[in-house]
Amino acid sequence: GFLEDGILVQDVSRTRRRYLGSWTFPWDVMAVLPTELLCLLPGVPRVPGVPAARANRCLRVPRLFEAFDRCETRTGWPNVFRVAKLMLYLLLGIHWHGCLYFALSAHLGLGVDPWVCPSSTRLLRRYLHSFYFSTLVLATVGDTPAPQREEELLFLTAGFLLAVLGFATITGNISAVIVNLSAADAAFYPDAGPVRRVHLAALRRVGLFRGWEHGLLRQLVLRLRPQVFGPGEFVCRRGDVGREMYFVREGRLAVVAEDGATRLAVLGEGLYFGEISLINIKGNTAGNRRTANILSIGYSDLFCLGKEDLAEVLAEFPCARAAMEAKGRELLLRMGQLDTGAEAAATAAEAKAERRLRGLEVALEGLQTRAARLLAQLEASALRMALRVQRLEGR
């Protein structure tokens, strides 16, 4: 089977079609071709030619790496598996280097000088000597016979350079294993840097946010909240009050009809929807409600930006708020969801309410002034009364 939108597909026909249409199929076919039959042709050496003719088996190396990755993600001891994989790579490297050393020795002549492989009659003895020699070279021990020919010098130099590269690779892998030992703690305190880099581009694609400064977008990115939806789960339904917009991180979403089965459109990774719900535009015929049913096809990872979070950020950027409302009005006009008459009526009602509010504020200020004046008169009267009482008591 294979995973499609997080769902395991085990249908044989679909699996077959997917495999036949993938790029791995021709490579697998070439990897299993019996190319060793070419050694039966006249003029092809028997023993040295067979390993070279089987070189097409190396075309399946990417599948081996894929198997290693899957085992590493599914095993309960990933660090131990990584160390074991590193040791396997190390042994394979020594083996291949030993094979090249033996091939060079056979070309120069076995046992012709102390550097090449001795001319032993036992095949195991030759292999062990080649493996031991390659271990000394790749471990940079240096306890090897001095090369006598130019080919030997070049081979030994290349081996030392590969050893340096191998040591750097091993050190990096061991460091990664040590770092991963504390990865569980870091999971509870994720770094916001990658989140900014990934989602800044997504925010810039939103028409309402286009042209905003970098600092404002960074504050919006930090307000994004992750949400996960399972197969067949509705992200939003038509008629619901919209309070946030969504960005599709992974997975696929379907815009479905009222029956919940007919797909009208499919939203993939990097797309967004629901941006009109973030602002209240006068004359919006939808009334700030969802206009479509959004259904998760498989497992979908989304990021949502709430209306309250946007309002908190825009409180410090009034110009950006005005520009966003203007762009939202233009978008509603293009979509045919803006009632200009209702917008004018709402604007007039808002202006009337503002005038009444200003009148109430003026009246309140007058009442406060009169109250302060009466309070001052009361305090003066109380002071005069206290003085008269003191004079009467003095008599």
Protein backbone atom coordinates (compact mmCIF):
# COMPACT_ATOMS: atom_id res chain seq x y z
CA GLY A 1 0.00 0.00 0.00
CA PHE A 2 0.87 3.68 0.03
CA LEU A 3 -0.14 6.81 1.90
CA GLU A 4 -2.44 9.31 0.23
CA ASP A 5 -3.22 12.41 2.29
CA GLY A 6 -2.25 10.46 5.39
CA ILE A 7 -4.59 7.53 4.62
CA LEU A 8 -3.19 4.06 3.94
CA VAL A 9 -4.39 2.86 0.53
CA GLN A 10 -4.26 -0.94 0.21
CA ASP A 11 -6.15 -1.35 -3.03
CA VAL A 12 -4.04 -3.58 -5.29
CA SER A 13 -5.05 -1.96 -8.58
CA ARG A 14 -4.38 1.57 -7.33
CA THR A 15 -1.07 0.49 -5.84
CA ARG A 16 -0.09 -1.12 -9.14
CA ARG A 17 -1.00 1.97 -11.17
CA ARG A 18 0.89 4.22 -8.79
CA TYR A 19 3.99 2.04 -8.90
CA LEU A 20 3.96 1.68 -12.70
CA GLY A 21 3.65 5.44 -13.07
CA SER A 22 6.39 6.28 -10.57
CA TRP A 23 10.01 7.05 -11.42
CA THR A 24 11.21 4.05 -9.39
CA PHE A 25 9.65 1.48 -11.73
CA PRO A 26 12.13 1.84 -14.65
CA TRP A 27 15.04 1.92 -12.23
CA ASP A 28 13.85 -1.29 -10.58
CA VAL A 29 13.46 -2.95 -13.97
CA MET A 30 17.00 -2.01 -14.98
CA ALA A 31 18.31 -3.18 -11.60
CA VAL A 32 16.96 -6.73 -12.02
CA LEU A 33 18.05 -7.24 -15.63
CA PRO A 34 20.36 -10.31 -15.91
CA THR A 35 23.30 -8.32 -17.24
CA GLU A 36 25.74 -11.01 -16.08
CA LEU A 37 24.70 -12.95 -19.17
CA LEU A 38 26.87 -10.52 -21.11
CA CYS A 39 29.86 -12.44 -19.79
CA LEU A 40 28.86 -15.32 -22.05
CA LEU A 41 29.75 -13.22 -25.06
CA PRO A 42 33.08 -14.06 -26.69
CA GLY A 43 36.00 -11.92 -25.62
CA VAL A 44 34.57 -10.97 -22.20
CA PRO A 45 36.69 -12.17 -19.25
CA ARG A 46 34.84 -14.55 -16.98
CA VAL A 47 35.87 -13.78 -13.41
CA PRO A 48 36.58 -10.00 -13.54
CA GLY A 49 33.68 -9.38 -15.88
CA VAL A 50 30.92 -10.82 -13.71
CA PRO A 51 31.11 -8.22 -10.89
CA ALA A 52 31.29 -5.38 -13.40
CA ALA A 53 28.30 -6.75 -15.28
CA ARG A 54 26.28 -6.78 -12.07
CA ALA A 55 26.84 -3.07 -11.46
CA ASN A 56 23.22 -2.39 -12.40
CA ARG A 57 22.23 -3.78 -8.99
CA CYS A 58 23.49 -0.51 -7.52
CA LEU A 59 20.50 1.23 -9.08
CA ARG A 60 18.47 0.01 -6.12
CA VAL A 61 20.60 1.91 -3.62
CA PRO A 62 17.96 4.70 -3.30
CA ARG A 63 15.42 2.05 -2.26
CA LEU A 64 17.85 0.90 0.42
CA PHE A 65 18.13 4.45 1.75
CA GLU A 66 14.33 4.70 1.74
CA ALA A 67 14.08 1.48 3.74
CA PHE A 68 16.62 2.81 6.24
CA ASP A 69 14.65 6.03 6.67
CA ARG A 70 11.41 4.16 7.29
CA CYS A 71 13.04 1.83 9.81
CA GLU A 72 14.60 4.78 11.61
CA THR A 73 11.25 6.55 11.95
CA ARG A 74 9.40 3.43 13.12
CA THR A 75 11.88 1.81 15.46
CA GLY A 76 11.79 2.45 19.18
CA TRP A 77 15.56 2.98 19.29
CA PRO A 78 16.33 5.43 16.47
CA ASN A 79 19.71 6.50 17.86
CA VAL A 80 20.91 2.91 18.15
CA PHE A 81 19.71 2.23 14.62
CA ARG A 82 21.54 5.30 13.36
CA VAL A 83 24.80 4.18 14.96
CA ALA A 84 24.36 0.68 13.51
CA LYS A 85 23.70 2.18 10.08
CA LEU A 86 26.84 4.28 10.39
CA MET A 87 28.90 1.19 11.24
CA LEU A 88 27.42 -0.61 8.22
CA TYR A 89 28.42 2.27 5.95
CA LEU A 90 31.89 2.19 7.46
CA LEU A 91 32.32 -1.53 6.82
CA LEU A 92 30.99 -1.19 3.28
CA GLY A 93 33.41 1.64 2.60
CA ILE A 94 36.34 -0.42 3.81
CA HIS A 95 35.14 -3.41 1.77
CA TRP A 96 34.85 -1.41 -1.46
CA HIS A 97 38.20 0.24 -0.88
CA GLY A 98 39.72 -3.18 -0.30
CA CYS A 99 38.20 -4.43 -3.55
CA LEU A 100 39.75 -1.51 -5.43
CA TYR A 101 43.07 -2.20 -3.73
CA PHE A 102 42.96 -5.85 -4.79
CA ALA A 103 42.00 -4.89 -8.35
CA LEU A 104 44.95 -2.49 -8.53
CA SER A 105 47.25 -5.14 -7.07
CA ALA A 106 46.06 -7.67 -9.64
CA HIS A 107 46.68 -5.12 -12.38
CA LEU A 108 50.21 -4.33 -11.16
CA GLY A 109 51.00 -7.92 -10.25
CA LEU A 110 50.37 -9.74 -7.00
CA GLY A 111 53.45 -9.85 -4.77
CA VAL A 112 55.70 -7.82 -7.09
CA ASP A 113 56.51 -5.37 -4.25
CA PRO A 114 55.70 -5.04 -0.53
CA TRP A 115 52.85 -2.56 -1.17
CA VAL A 116 50.59 -4.73 -3.33
CA CYS A 117 48.58 -7.71 -2.14
CA PRO A 118 50.70 -10.86 -1.70
CA SER A 119 50.22 -13.69 -4.16
CA SER A 120 48.58 -16.16 -1.80
CA THR A 121 46.73 -19.17 -3.14
CA ARG A 122 43.94 -18.79 -0.58
CA LEU A 123 41.20 -16.36 -1.59
CA LEU A 124 40.27 -15.66 2.04
CA ARG A 125 43.86 -14.68 2.78
CA ARG A 126 43.83 -12.18 -0.09
CA TYR A 127 40.53 -10.67 1.03
CA LEU A 128 41.62 -10.34 4.66
CA HIS A 129 44.87 -8.68 3.63
CA SER A 130 43.00 -6.24 1.37
CA PHE A 131 40.47 -5.50 4.11
CA TYR A 132 43.24 -4.96 6.67
CA PHE A 133 45.18 -2.69 4.32
CA SER A 134 42.09 -0.59 3.60
CA THR A 135 41.35 -0.33 7.31
CA LEU A 136 44.84 1.06 7.93
CA VAL A 137 44.49 3.57 5.11
CA LEU A 138 40.97 4.77 5.93
CA ALA A 139 41.74 4.92 9.65
CA THR A 140 44.78 7.10 8.80
CA VAL A 141 46.99 4.88 10.94
CA GLY A 142 49.77 5.21 8.41
CA ASP A 143 51.42 1.85 9.18
CA THR A 144 51.42 0.76 5.55
CA PRO A 145 54.27 -0.22 3.21
CA ALA A 146 55.75 2.65 1.26
CA PRO A 147 54.35 2.90 -2.28
CA GLN A 148 56.81 2.15 -5.07
CA ARG A 149 54.94 3.24 -8.19
CA GLU A 150 52.93 6.23 -9.34
CA GLU A 151 49.68 4.26 -9.34
CA GLU A 152 50.30 3.25 -5.74
CA LEU A 153 51.03 6.85 -4.73
CA LEU A 154 47.82 8.12 -6.33
CA PHE A 155 45.73 5.35 -4.79
CA LEU A 156 47.15 5.94 -1.31
CA THR A 157 46.66 9.72 -1.58
CA ALA A 158 43.05 9.27 -2.65
CA GLY A 159 42.53 6.88 0.25
CA PHE A 160 43.85 9.39 2.78
CA LEU A 161 41.58 12.10 1.36
CA LEU A 162 38.58 9.78 1.62
CA ALA A 163 39.59 9.01 5.19
CA VAL A 164 39.49 12.69 6.10
CA LEU A 165 36.04 13.02 4.54
CA GLY A 166 34.90 9.87 6.32
CA PHE A 167 36.06 11.14 9.69
CA ALA A 168 34.16 14.39 9.15
CA THR A 169 31.01 12.45 8.23
CA ILE A 170 31.30 10.16 11.25
CA THR A 171 31.85 13.11 13.58
CA GLY A 172 28.79 14.87 12.16
CA ASN A 173 26.60 11.79 12.56
CA ILE A 174 27.73 11.17 16.12
CA SER A 175 27.05 14.82 16.95
CA ALA A 176 23.57 14.49 15.45
CA VAL A 177 22.90 11.43 17.61
CA ILE A 178 23.97 13.32 20.73
CA VAL A 179 21.81 16.29 19.81
CA ASN A 180 18.81 14.04 19.17
CA LEU A 181 19.06 12.64 22.68
CA SER A 182 17.69 15.95 23.97
CA ALA A 183 15.28 16.51 21.08
CA ALA A 184 12.31 15.58 23.26
CA ASP A 185 12.96 18.57 25.50
CA ALA A 186 13.34 20.88 22.54
CA ALA A 187 9.98 19.73 21.18
CA PHE A 188 8.23 21.50 24.06
CA TYR A 189 10.06 24.75 23.32
CA PRO A 190 10.09 25.05 19.53
CA ASP A 191 12.03 27.80 17.84
CA ALA A 192 9.88 30.39 16.12
CA GLY A 193 12.56 31.10 13.52
CA PRO A 194 11.61 28.30 11.09
CA VAL A 195 7.94 29.20 11.49
CA ARG A 196 8.67 32.76 10.42
CA ARG A 197 10.66 31.70 7.38
CA VAL A 198 8.04 29.21 6.20
CA HIS A 199 4.91 31.32 6.64
CA LEU A 200 6.09 34.82 5.81
CA ALA A 201 5.87 33.95 2.13
CA ALA A 202 2.36 32.54 2.63
CA LEU A 203 1.20 35.74 4.33
CA ARG A 204 2.64 37.87 1.55
CA ARG A 205 0.51 35.99 -0.98
CA VAL A 206 -2.70 37.08 0.77
CA GLY A 207 -4.19 40.02 -1.09
CA LEU A 208 -5.30 41.76 2.10
CA PHE A 209 -1.75 41.68 3.51
CA ARG A 210 0.10 42.57 0.33
CA GLY A 211 2.44 45.50 0.73
CA TRP A 212 2.64 45.30 4.52
CA GLU A 213 5.96 45.87 6.21
CA HIS A 214 8.11 42.98 7.36
CA GLY A 215 7.72 43.66 11.09
CA LEU A 216 3.94 43.54 10.91
CA LEU A 217 3.97 40.24 9.03
CA ARG A 218 6.35 38.74 11.58
CA GLN A 219 3.94 39.60 14.37
CA LEU A 220 1.13 37.91 12.44
CA VAL A 221 3.24 34.79 11.92
CA LEU A 222 3.76 34.48 15.66
CA ARG A 223 -0.03 34.52 16.12
CA LEU A 224 -0.60 31.53 13.82
CA ARG A 225 -2.01 28.46 15.59
CA PRO A 226 -1.62 24.91 14.21
CA GLN A 227 -4.70 22.75 13.72
CA VAL A 228 -5.02 19.18 12.43
CA PHE A 229 -8.12 17.80 10.70
CA GLY A 230 -8.79 14.15 9.99
CA PRO A 231 -10.32 12.52 6.90
CA GLY A 232 -13.90 13.64 6.30
CA GLU A 233 -13.77 16.33 8.97
CA PHE A 234 -15.25 19.73 8.12
CA VAL A 235 -12.97 22.71 8.59
CA CYS A 236 -15.93 25.06 8.24
CA ARG A 237 -19.52 24.89 7.04
CA ARG A 238 -21.51 27.30 4.98
CA GLY A 239 -23.35 29.79 7.17
CA ASP A 240 -20.99 29.52 10.14
CA VAL A 241 -19.74 32.77 11.61
CA GLY A 242 -16.17 33.29 10.43
CA ARG A 243 -13.64 34.19 13.10
CA GLU A 244 -10.37 33.07 11.49
CA MET A 245 -8.62 32.39 8.20
CA TYR A 246 -6.65 29.25 7.36
CA PHE A 247 -3.37 28.40 5.63
CA VAL A 248 -2.87 24.89 4.25
CA ARG A 249 0.48 23.53 5.40
CA GLU A 250 0.05 19.90 4.34
CA GLY A 251 -2.77 17.82 2.96
CA ARG A 252 -5.71 18.55 0.69
CA LEU A 253 -9.06 20.20 1.34
CA ALA A 254 -12.17 19.95 -0.80
CA VAL A 255 -14.81 22.61 -1.37
CA VAL A 256 -17.98 20.49 -1.36
CA ALA A 257 -21.62 21.13 -2.09
CA GLU A 258 -24.43 20.91 0.43
CA ASP A 259 -24.61 17.13 0.05
CA GLY A 260 -21.05 16.86 1.39
CA ALA A 261 -19.94 14.58 -1.45
CA THR A 262 -19.79 16.68 -4.63
CA ARG A 263 -16.39 18.33 -4.92
CA LEU A 264 -16.37 21.80 -6.40
CA ALA A 265 -12.66 22.55 -5.94
CA VAL A 266 -9.57 21.21 -4.18
CA LEU A 267 -7.22 23.30 -2.05
CA GLY A 268 -3.64 22.10 -1.73
CA GLU A 269 -0.47 23.00 0.10
CA GLY A 270 0.34 26.71 0.27
CA LEU A 271 -3.21 27.95 -0.36
CA TYR A 272 -5.41 29.91 2.04
CA PHE A 273 -9.06 30.77 2.56
CA GLY A 274 -11.36 32.70 4.89
CA GLU A 275 -9.49 36.01 4.80
CA ILE A 276 -12.72 38.04 4.46
CA SER A 277 -13.80 36.75 7.87
CA LEU A 278 -11.03 38.73 9.52
CA ILE A 279 -12.59 42.13 8.82
CA ASN A 280 -16.07 43.59 9.19
CA ILE A 281 -16.98 45.35 5.97
CA LYS A 282 -20.21 47.28 5.78
CA GLY A 283 -22.56 46.02 3.10
CA ASN A 284 -21.18 42.47 3.03
CA THR A 285 -24.12 40.39 1.81
CA ALA A 286 -22.68 37.26 3.45
CA GLY A 287 -22.82 38.95 6.82
CA ASN A 288 -19.31 37.76 7.80
CA ARG A 289 -20.42 34.14 7.46
CA ARG A 290 -18.79 31.27 5.62
CA THR A 291 -19.84 30.95 2.01
CA ALA A 292 -18.59 27.40 1.35
CA ASN A 293 -18.19 23.98 2.95
CA ILE A 294 -14.53 23.02 3.38
CA LEU A 295 -13.84 19.32 3.98
CA SER A 296 -10.53 17.64 4.76
CA ILE A 297 -9.86 14.84 2.26
CA GLY A 298 -7.16 13.15 4.31
CA TYR A 299 -5.10 14.28 7.25
CA SER A 300 -4.49 18.01 6.85
CA ASP A 301 -2.22 20.35 8.80
CA LEU A 302 -3.47 23.93 8.84
CA PHE A 303 -2.49 27.19 10.46
CA CYS A 304 -5.23 29.60 11.49
CA LEU A 305 -5.13 33.32 12.20
CA GLY A 306 -7.89 34.57 14.47
CA LYS A 307 -9.76 37.84 14.16
CA GLU A 308 -8.87 38.86 17.72
CA ASP A 309 -5.17 38.24 17.10
CA LEU A 310 -5.28 40.36 13.96
CA ALA A 311 -7.08 43.17 15.79
CA GLU A 312 -4.44 43.18 18.54
CA VAL A 313 -1.65 43.47 16.00
CA LEU A 314 -3.39 46.15 13.90
CA ALA A 315 -4.08 48.28 16.98
CA GLU A 316 -0.55 49.62 16.55
CA PHE A 317 -0.83 49.97 12.75
CA PRO A 318 -3.93 52.06 11.90
CA CYS A 319 -2.74 52.74 8.35
CA ALA A 320 -2.44 49.02 7.66
CA ARG A 321 -5.96 48.48 9.00
CA ALA A 322 -7.39 51.14 6.66
CA ALA A 323 -5.53 49.68 3.68
CA MET A 324 -6.77 46.18 4.52
CA GLU A 325 -10.38 47.33 4.73
CA ALA A 326 -10.06 49.09 1.37
CA LYS A 327 -8.65 45.94 -0.25
CA GLY A 328 -11.39 43.85 1.34
CA ARG A 329 -14.03 46.17 -0.11
CA GLU A 330 -12.48 45.86 -3.58
CA LEU A 331 -12.44 42.08 -3.23
CA LEU A 332 -16.11 41.97 -2.26
CA LEU A 333 -16.96 44.21 -5.21
CA ARG A 334 -15.24 41.82 -7.61
CA MET A 335 -17.04 38.88 -6.01
CA GLY A 336 -20.39 40.66 -6.19
CA GLN A 337 -20.97 40.34 -2.45
CA LEU A 338 -21.02 44.04 -1.58
CA ASP A 339 -24.34 45.90 -1.33
CA THR A 340 -23.44 49.54 -1.91
CA GLY A 341 -26.85 50.71 -0.70
CA ALA A 342 -26.51 48.84 2.56
CA GLU A 343 -22.96 50.11 2.84
CA ALA A 344 -24.11 53.71 2.42
CA ALA A 345 -26.91 53.18 4.94
CA ALA A 346 -24.50 51.62 7.42
CA THR A 347 -22.05 54.48 6.90
CA ALA A 348 -24.81 57.05 7.44
CA ALA A 349 -26.02 55.25 10.55
CA GLU A 350 -22.48 55.12 11.87
CA ALA A 351 -22.00 58.84 11.19
CA LYS A 352 -25.30 59.61 12.92
CA ALA A 353 -24.29 57.51 15.89
CA GLU A 354 -20.96 59.31 16.04
CA ARG A 355 -22.72 62.70 16.01
CA ARG A 356 -25.03 61.60 18.80
CA LEU A 357 -22.06 60.30 20.71
CA ARG A 358 -20.25 63.61 20.33
CA GLY A 359 -23.40 65.43 21.50
CA LEU A 360 -23.61 63.18 24.52
CA GLU A 361 -19.95 63.81 25.24
CA VAL A 362 -20.51 67.59 25.09
CA ALA A 363 -23.55 67.31 27.37
CA LEU A 364 -21.60 65.13 29.76
CA GLU A 365 -18.78 67.65 29.86
CA GLY A 366 -21.33 70.41 30.66
CA LEU A 367 -22.82 68.34 33.46
CA GLN A 368 -19.37 67.65 34.85
CA THR A 369 -18.59 71.39 34.80
CA ARG A 370 -21.83 72.25 36.60
CA ALA A 371 -21.26 69.49 39.12
CA ALA A 372 -17.76 70.79 39.82
CA ARG A 373 -19.10 74.32 40.25
CA LEU A 374 -21.82 73.18 42.66
CA LEU A 375 -19.30 71.16 44.60
CA ALA A 376 -17.05 74.21 44.94
CA GLN A 377 -20.00 76.31 46.16
CA LEU A 378 -20.93 73.61 48.65
CA GLU A 379 -17.40 73.49 50.00
CA ALA A 380 -17.32 77.31 50.33
CA SER A 381 -20.67 77.31 52.18
CA ALA A 382 -19.44 74.59 54.51
CA LEU A 383 -16.30 76.60 55.25
CA ARG A 384 -18.30 79.74 56.05
CA MET A 385 -20.63 77.78 58.29
CA ALA A 386 -17.68 76.32 60.18
CA LEU A 387 -16.23 79.81 60.76
CA ARG A 388 -19.54 81.12 62.11
CA VAL A 389 -19.79 78.18 64.49
CA GLN A 390 -16.28 78.91 65.79
CA ARG A 391 -17.14 82.57 66.41
CA LEU A 392 -20.31 81.66 68.26
CA GLU A 393 -18.44 79.20 70.44
CA GLY A 394 -15.81 81.89 71.22
CA ARG A 395 -18.42 84.21 72.72
